[in-house]
PDB file of N, CA and C in Angstrom:
ATOM      1  N   SER A   1    -118.845-140.964  28.712  1.00  0.00           N
ATOM      2  CA  SER A   1    -119.745-141.545  27.952  1.00  0.00           C
ATOM      3  C   SER A   1    -119.944-142.734  28.037  1.00  0.00           C
ATOM      4  N   ARG A   2    -119.121-143.683  28.753  1.00  0.00           N
ATOM      5  CA  ARG A   2    -119.476-144.995  29.008  1.00  0.00           C
ATOM      6  C   ARG A   2    -120.153-145.098  30.121  1.00  0.00           C
ATOM      7  N   LEU A   3    -120.018-143.970  30.851  1.00  0.00           N
ATOM      8  CA  LEU A   3    -120.911-143.815  32.544  1.00  0.00           C
ATOM      9  C   LEU A   3    -122.107-144.216  32.440  1.00  0.00           C
ATOM     10  N   ALA A   4    -122.885-143.068  31.203  1.00  0.00           N
ATOM     11  CA  ALA A   4    -124.279-143.058  30.608  1.00  0.00           C
ATOM     12  C   ALA A   4    -124.498-144.208  30.188  1.00  0.00           C
ATOM     13  N   VAL A   5    -124.214-145.135  29.324  1.00  0.00           N
ATOM     14  CA  VAL A   5    -123.938-146.362  28.385  1.00  0.00           C
ATOM     15  C   VAL A   5    -124.400-147.437  29.387  1.00  0.00           C
ATOM     16  N   ASN A   6    -123.629-147.610  30.514  1.00  0.00           N
ATOM     17  CA  ASN A   6    -123.518-148.325  31.362  1.00  0.00           C
ATOM     18  C   ASN A   6    -124.437-148.088  32.838  1.00  0.00           C
ATOM     19  N   SER A   7    -124.419-146.813  32.748  1.00  0.00           N
ATOM     20  CA  SER A   7    -125.911-146.966  34.083  1.00  0.00           C
ATOM     21  C   SER A   7    -126.977-147.195  33.090  1.00  0.00           C
ATOM     22  N   VAL A   8    -127.195-146.806  32.238  1.00  0.00           N
ATOM     23  CA  VAL A   8    -128.603-146.939  31.433  1.00  0.00           C
ATOM     24  C   VAL A   8    -129.209-148.732  31.285  1.00  0.00           C
ATOM     25  N   THR A   9    -127.764-149.291  30.825  1.00  0.00           N
ATOM     26  CA  THR A   9    -127.420-150.689  31.029  1.00  0.00           C
ATOM     27  C   THR A   9    -127.852-151.633  32.068  1.00  0.00           C
ATOM     28  N   ALA A  10    -127.357-150.538  33.779  1.00  0.00           N
ATOM     29  CA  ALA A  10    -127.665-151.035  35.035  1.00  0.00           C
ATOM     30  C   ALA A  10    -129.168-150.970  35.152  1.00  0.00           C
ATOM     31  N   GLY A  11    -129.850-149.674  34.345  1.00  0.00           N
ATOM     32  CA  GLY A  11    -131.455-149.835  35.249  1.00  0.00           C
ATOM     33  C   GLY A  11    -131.480-147.899  35.518  1.00  0.00           C
ATOM     34  N   ASP A  12    -130.070-147.465  36.069  1.00  0.00           N
ATOM     35  CA  ASP A  12    -130.049-146.087  36.039  1.00  0.00           C
ATOM     36  C   ASP A  12    -130.314-144.778  35.429  1.00  0.00           C
ATOM     37  N   TYR A  13    -131.937-144.811  35.027  1.00  0.00           N
ATOM     38  CA  TYR A  13    -132.304-143.594  33.702  1.00  0.00           C
ATOM     39  C   TYR A  13    -132.147-142.556  33.521  1.00  0.00           C
ATOM     40  N   SER A  14    -131.965-141.772  35.126  1.00  0.00           N
ATOM     41  CA  SER A  14    -131.828-140.684  35.042  1.00  0.00           C
ATOM     42  C   SER A  14    -130.301-139.948  35.440  1.00  0.00           C
ATOM     43  N   ARG A  15    -129.000-140.630  35.467  1.00  0.00           N
ATOM     44  CA  ARG A  15    -127.914-140.544  35.716  1.00  0.00           C
ATOM     45  C   ARG A  15    -127.431-139.928  34.338  1.00  0.00           C
ATOM     46  N   PRO A  16    -127.674-140.286  33.104  1.00  0.00           N
ATOM     47  CA  PRO A  16    -127.447-139.715  32.051  1.00  0.00           C
ATOM     48  C   PRO A  16    -127.786-138.769  32.059  1.00  0.00           C
ATOM     49  N   LEU A  17    -129.230-138.309  32.521  1.00  0.00           N
ATOM     50  CA  LEU A  17    -129.443-136.902  32.266  1.00  0.00           C
ATOM     51  C   LEU A  17    -129.106-136.029  33.272  1.00  0.00           C
ATOM     52  N   ARG A  18    -128.251-136.890  34.733  1.00  0.00           N
ATOM     53  CA  ARG A  18    -127.086-135.521  35.204  1.00  0.00           C
ATOM     54  C   ARG A  18    -125.968-135.511  34.197  1.00  0.00           C
ATOM     55  N   ILE A  19    -125.619-136.258  33.964  1.00  0.00           N
ATOM     56  CA  ILE A  19    -124.459-136.352  32.951  1.00  0.00           C
ATOM     57  C   ILE A  19    -124.069-135.352  31.923  1.00  0.00           C
ATOM     58  N   SER A  20    -125.256-135.667  30.976  1.00  0.00           N
ATOM     59  CA  SER A  20    -126.034-134.789  29.746  1.00  0.00           C
ATOM     60  C   SER A  20    -125.743-132.824  30.365  1.00  0.00           C
ATOM     61  N   ASN A  21    -126.031-132.621  31.489  1.00  0.00           N
ATOM     62  CA  ASN A  21    -126.264-131.434  31.894  1.00  0.00           C
ATOM     63  C   ASN A  21    -124.974-131.116  32.165  1.00  0.00           C
ATOM     64  N   PHE A  22    -124.164-131.765  32.861  1.00  0.00           N
ATOM     65  CA  PHE A  22    -122.429-131.649  33.020  1.00  0.00           C
ATOM     66  C   PHE A  22    -122.117-132.160  31.777  1.00  0.00           C
ATOM     67  N   ILE A  23    -121.940-132.361  31.540  1.00  0.00           N
ATOM     68  CA  ILE A  23    -121.212-132.131  30.202  1.00  0.00           C
ATOM     69  C   ILE A  23    -121.520-131.140  29.464  1.00  0.00           C
ATOM     70  N   ASN A  24    -122.830-130.430  29.137  1.00  0.00           N
ATOM     71  CA  ASN A  24    -123.614-129.470  28.841  1.00  0.00           C
ATOM     72  C   ASN A  24    -122.153-128.644  28.739  1.00  0.00           C
ATOM     73  N   GLU A  25    -122.254-128.139  30.201  1.00  0.00           N
ATOM     74  CA  GLU A  25    -121.655-127.375  31.064  1.00  0.00           C
ATOM     75  C   GLU A  25    -120.484-126.755  30.556  1.00  0.00           C
ATOM     76  N   LEU A  26    -119.663-128.112  30.328  1.00  0.00           N
ATOM     77  CA  LEU A  26    -118.488-128.045  30.560  1.00  0.00           C
ATOM     78  C   LEU A  26    -117.987-127.645  28.767  1.00  0.00           C
ATOM     79  N   ASP A  27    -119.160-128.041  28.054  1.00  0.00           N
ATOM     80  CA  ASP A  27    -118.622-127.734  26.461  1.00  0.00           C
ATOM     81  C   ASP A  27    -118.851-126.341  26.177  1.00  0.00           C
ATOM     82  N   SER A  28    -120.166-125.657  27.000  1.00  0.00           N
ATOM     83  CA  SER A  28    -120.177-124.321  26.790  1.00  0.00           C
ATOM     84  C   SER A  28    -119.028-123.541  27.943  1.00  0.00           C
ATOM     85  N   GLY A  29    -118.072-124.125  28.575  1.00  0.00           N
ATOM     86  CA  GLY A  29    -117.050-123.273  29.036  1.00  0.00           C
ATOM     87  C   GLY A  29    -116.081-123.262  28.450  1.00  0.00           C
ATOM     88  N   PHE A  30    -115.540-124.484  26.896  1.00  0.00           N
ATOM     89  CA  PHE A  30    -114.648-124.847  26.590  1.00  0.00           C
ATOM     90  C   PHE A  30    -114.736-124.089  24.691  1.00  0.00           C
ATOM     91  N   ARG A  31    -116.203-123.650  24.761  1.00  0.00           N
ATOM     92  CA  ARG A  31    -116.173-123.028  24.192  1.00  0.00           C
ATOM     93  C   ARG A  31    -116.031-121.797  23.924  1.00  0.00           C
ATOM     94  N   LEU A  32    -115.890-121.347  25.067  1.00  0.00           N
ATOM     95  CA  LEU A  32    -115.390-119.729  25.151  1.00  0.00           C
ATOM     96  C   LEU A  32    -114.311-119.014  24.958  1.00  0.00           C
ATOM     97  N   LEU A  33    -113.080-120.695  25.100  1.00  0.00           N
ATOM     98  CA  LEU A  33    -111.899-120.548  24.870  1.00  0.00           C
ATOM     99  C   LEU A  33    -111.970-120.110  23.338  1.00  0.00           C
ATOM    100  N   ASN A  34    -110.336-119.499  23.374  1.00  0.00           N
ATOM    101  CA  ASN A  34    -109.818-119.700  22.052  1.00  0.00           C
ATOM    102  C   ASN A  34    -108.847-120.369  21.878  1.00  0.00           C
ATOM    103  N   LEU A  35    -109.126-121.796  21.563  1.00  0.00           N
ATOM    104  CA  LEU A  35    -108.487-123.239  21.175  1.00  0.00           C
ATOM    105  C   LEU A  35    -107.918-123.166  19.925  1.00  0.00           C
ATOM    106  N   LYS A  36    -107.141-122.161  19.321  1.00  0.00           N
ATOM    107  CA  LYS A  36    -106.861-122.547  18.002  1.00  0.00           C
ATOM    108  C   LYS A  36    -106.081-123.657  17.715  1.00  0.00           C
ATOM    109  N   ASN A  37    -104.331-123.651  17.972  1.00  0.00           N
ATOM    110  CA  ASN A  37    -103.598-125.056  18.047  1.00  0.00           C
ATOM    111  C   ASN A  37    -103.201-125.508  19.621  1.00  0.00           C
ATOM    112  N   ASP A  38    -103.865-125.283  20.834  1.00  0.00           N
ATOM    113  CA  ASP A  38    -103.813-125.404  22.255  1.00  0.00           C
ATOM    114  C   ASP A  38    -103.828-126.389  22.164  1.00  0.00           C
ATOM    115  N   PRO A  39    -102.939-127.124  23.437  1.00  0.00           N
ATOM    116  CA  PRO A  39    -102.705-128.939  23.439  1.00  0.00           C
ATOM    117  C   PRO A  39    -104.604-129.304  24.085  1.00  0.00           C
ATOM    118  N   LEU A  40    -104.837-128.036  24.812  1.00  0.00           N
ATOM    119  CA  LEU A  40    -106.547-128.182  25.250  1.00  0.00           C
ATOM    120  C   LEU A  40    -107.242-128.640  24.366  1.00  0.00           C
ATOM    121  N   ARG A  41    -106.777-128.261  22.879  1.00  0.00           N
ATOM    122  CA  ARG A  41    -107.960-128.270  21.746  1.00  0.00           C
ATOM    123  C   ARG A  41    -107.695-129.632  21.836  1.00  0.00           C
ATOM    124  N   LYS A  42    -107.002-130.228  21.619  1.00  0.00           N
ATOM    125  CA  LYS A  42    -107.184-132.092  21.756  1.00  0.00           C
ATOM    126  C   LYS A  42    -108.251-132.586  22.872  1.00  0.00           C
ATOM    127  N   ARG A  43    -108.034-132.528  23.898  1.00  0.00           N
ATOM    128  CA  ARG A  43    -108.872-132.334  25.157  1.00  0.00           C
ATOM    129  C   ARG A  43    -110.854-132.211  24.225  1.00  0.00           C
ATOM    130  N   TYR A  44    -111.069-130.561  24.021  1.00  0.00           N
ATOM    131  CA  TYR A  44    -111.809-130.281  23.429  1.00  0.00           C
ATOM    132  C   TYR A  44    -112.370-131.169  22.039  1.00  0.00           C
ATOM    133  N   ASP A  45    -111.778-131.103  21.643  1.00  0.00           N
ATOM    134  CA  ASP A  45    -111.581-132.314  20.063  1.00  0.00           C
ATOM    135  C   ASP A  45    -112.744-134.081  21.003  1.00  0.00           C
ATOM    136  N   GLY A  46    -112.171-134.377  21.369  1.00  0.00           N
ATOM    137  CA  GLY A  46    -112.592-135.659  22.350  1.00  0.00           C
ATOM    138  C   GLY A  46    -114.023-135.319  22.604  1.00  0.00           C
ATOM    139  N   LEU A  47    -113.884-134.087  23.931  1.00  0.00           N
ATOM    140  CA  LEU A  47    -115.388-133.810  23.946  1.00  0.00           C
ATOM    141  C   LEU A  47    -116.538-133.869  23.634  1.00  0.00           C
ATOM    142  N   LYS A  48    -116.706-132.962  22.040  1.00  0.00           N
ATOM    143  CA  LYS A  48    -117.395-133.043  21.483  1.00  0.00           C
ATOM    144  C   LYS A  48    -117.943-134.734  20.887  1.00  0.00           C
ATOM    145  N   TYR A  49    -117.285-135.472  20.730  1.00  0.00           N
ATOM    146  CA  TYR A  49    -117.502-137.031  20.751  1.00  0.00           C
ATOM    147  C   TYR A  49    -118.175-137.420  21.685  1.00  0.00           C
ATOM    148  N   ASP A  50    -117.498-137.113  23.021  1.00  0.00           N
ATOM    149  CA  ASP A  50    -118.337-137.382  24.392  1.00  0.00           C
ATOM    150  C   ASP A  50    -119.862-136.841  24.604  1.00  0.00           C
ATOM    151  N   VAL A  51    -119.762-135.367  24.133  1.00  0.00           N
ATOM    152  CA  VAL A  51    -121.623-134.837  24.307  1.00  0.00           C
ATOM    153  C   VAL A  51    -122.479-135.054  22.876  1.00  0.00           C
ATOM    154  N   LYS A  52    -121.920-135.773  21.720  1.00  0.00           N
ATOM    155  CA  LYS A  52    -123.014-136.657  20.796  1.00  0.00           C
ATOM    156  C   LYS A  52    -123.153-138.212  21.283  1.00  0.00           C
ATOM    157  N   LYS A  53    -122.226-139.149  21.718  1.00  0.00           N
ATOM    158  CA  LYS A  53    -122.950-140.162  22.326  1.00  0.00           C
ATOM    159  C   LYS A  53    -123.833-139.733  23.992  1.00  0.00           C
ATOM    160  N   ILE A  54    -123.148-139.153  24.489  1.00  0.00           N
ATOM    161  CA  ILE A  54    -124.027-138.717  25.555  1.00  0.00           C
ATOM    162  C   ILE A  54    -125.839-138.341  24.936  1.00  0.00           C
ATOM    163  N   GLU A  55    -125.745-137.655  24.301  1.00  0.00           N
ATOM    164  CA  GLU A  55    -127.147-137.015  23.673  1.00  0.00           C
ATOM    165  C   GLU A  55    -127.933-138.159  22.677  1.00  0.00           C
ATOM    166  N   GLU A  56    -126.904-138.999  22.355  1.00  0.00           N
ATOM    167  CA  GLU A  56    -127.520-140.114  21.823  1.00  0.00           C
ATOM    168  C   GLU A  56    -128.488-140.864  23.105  1.00  0.00           C
ATOM    169  N   VAL A  57    -127.960-141.188  24.133  1.00  0.00           N
ATOM    170  CA  VAL A  57    -128.221-142.483  24.844  1.00  0.00           C
ATOM    171  C   VAL A  57    -129.102-141.230  25.751  1.00  0.00           C
ATOM    172  N   VAL A  58    -129.579-139.786  25.712  1.00  0.00           N
ATOM    173  CA  VAL A  58    -130.202-139.117  26.491  1.00  0.00           C
ATOM    174  C   VAL A  58    -131.832-139.194  25.503  1.00  0.00           C
ATOM    175  N   TYR A  59    -131.365-139.334  23.985  1.00  0.00           N
ATOM    176  CA  TYR A  59    -132.517-139.540  23.088  1.00  0.00           C
ATOM    177  C   TYR A  59    -133.538-140.921  23.285  1.00  0.00           C
ATOM    178  N   ASP A  60    -131.936-141.835  23.210  1.00  0.00           N
ATOM    179  CA  ASP A  60    -133.032-142.828  23.202  1.00  0.00           C
ATOM    180  C   ASP A  60    -133.912-143.407  24.583  1.00  0.00           C
ATOM    181  N   VAL A  61    -133.123-142.976  26.059  1.00  0.00           N
ATOM    182  CA  VAL A  61    -134.642-143.380  26.953  1.00  0.00           C
ATOM    183  C   VAL A  61    -135.254-141.754  27.141  1.00  0.00           C
ATOM    184  N   SER A  62    -135.125-140.955  26.404  1.00  0.00           N
ATOM    185  CA  SER A  62    -136.432-140.100  26.050  1.00  0.00           C
ATOM    186  C   SER A  62    -137.141-140.627  25.048  1.00  0.00           C
ATOM    187  N   ILE A  63    -137.382-140.966  24.351  1.00  0.00           N
ATOM    188  CA  ILE A  63    -137.956-141.715  23.448  1.00  0.00           C
ATOM    189  C   ILE A  63    -138.481-143.010  23.782  1.00  0.00           C
ATOM    190  N   ARG A  64    -137.894-143.879  24.291  1.00  0.00           N
ATOM    191  CA  ARG A  64    -138.763-144.779  25.555  1.00  0.00           C
ATOM    192  C   ARG A  64    -139.180-144.775  26.349  1.00  0.00           C
ATOM    193  N   GLY A  65    -139.553-143.150  26.913  1.00  0.00           N
ATOM    194  CA  GLY A  65    -140.130-142.995  27.746  1.00  0.00           C
ATOM    195  C   GLY A  65    -139.690-143.215  29.403  1.00  0.00           C
ATOM    196  N   LEU A  66    -138.276-143.845  29.741  1.00  0.00           N
ATOM    197  CA  LEU A  66    -137.687-144.457  30.491  1.00  0.00           C
ATOM    198  C   LEU A  66    -137.476-143.069  31.696  1.00  0.00           C
ATOM    199  N   ALA A  67    -137.193-142.215  31.003  1.00  0.00           N
ATOM    200  CA  ALA A  67    -136.664-140.731  31.538  1.00  0.00           C
ATOM    201  C   ALA A  67    -137.852-139.763  32.527  1.00  0.00           C
ATOM    202  N   LYS A  68    -137.397-139.411  33.906  1.00  0.00           N
ATOM    203  CA  LYS A  68    -138.603-139.382  34.168  1.00  0.00           C
ATOM    204  C   LYS A  68    -137.800-137.258  34.210  1.00  0.00           C
ATOM    205  N   GLU A  69    -139.195-136.862  33.803  1.00  0.00           N
ATOM    206  CA  GLU A  69    -138.677-135.669  34.027  1.00  0.00           C
ATOM    207  C   GLU A  69    -138.621-134.716  35.385  1.00  0.00           C
ATOM    208  N   PRO A  70    -137.522-134.074  36.026  1.00  0.00           N
ATOM    209  CA  PRO A  70    -137.618-133.704  36.878  1.00  0.00           C
ATOM    210  C   PRO A  70    -139.154-132.958  37.858  1.00  0.00           C
ATOM    211  N   GLU A  71    -139.326-132.677  39.281  1.00  0.00           N
ATOM    212  CA  GLU A  71    -140.807-132.065  39.075  1.00  0.00           C
ATOM    213  C   GLU A  71    -140.284-131.219  39.447  1.00  0.00           C
ATOM    214  N   SER A  72    -141.145-129.654  38.875  1.00  0.00           N
ATOM    215  CA  SER A  72    -140.467-128.163  38.648  1.00  0.00           C
ATOM    216  C   SER A  72    -141.491-127.686  40.111  1.00  0.00           C
ATOM    217  N   GLY A  73    -141.865-127.984  41.092  1.00  0.00           N
ATOM    218  CA  GLY A  73    -142.507-127.473  41.961  1.00  0.00           C
ATOM    219  C   GLY A  73    -143.793-126.959  41.878  1.00  0.00           C
ATOM    220  N   ARG A  74    -144.376-126.940  40.429  1.00  0.00           N
ATOM    221  CA  ARG A  74    -145.599-126.567  40.420  1.00  0.00           C
ATOM    222  C   ARG A  74    -147.212-127.224  40.562  1.00  0.00           C
ATOM    223  N   ASP A  75    -147.904-127.093  41.020  1.00  0.00           N
ATOM    224  CA  ASP A  75    -149.100-127.906  40.783  1.00  0.00           C
ATOM    225  C   ASP A  75    -149.135-127.871  39.172  1.00  0.00           C
ATOM    226  N   LYS A  76    -149.874-129.286  39.126  1.00  0.00           N
ATOM    227  CA  LYS A  76    -150.965-129.119  37.793  1.00  0.00           C
ATOM    228  C   LYS A  76    -152.008-129.437  37.814  1.00  0.00           C
TER     229      LYS A  76
END
């Protein structure tokens, strides 16, 4: 999550979008596991806070119009 914030500060507005995609895929994988009182549960809890922080960064970047949507390859 710090890399996403620092990237925006440095002017790299596409990196938080890539980080968000990766973290969301990682989060989806963790949600498939049964983590009752496993030590891995603490890692997952920390990941949830990182997902929230990165979503806030991506939201701010997209609201300000700084994020460029990836080209879909279709002619408009």
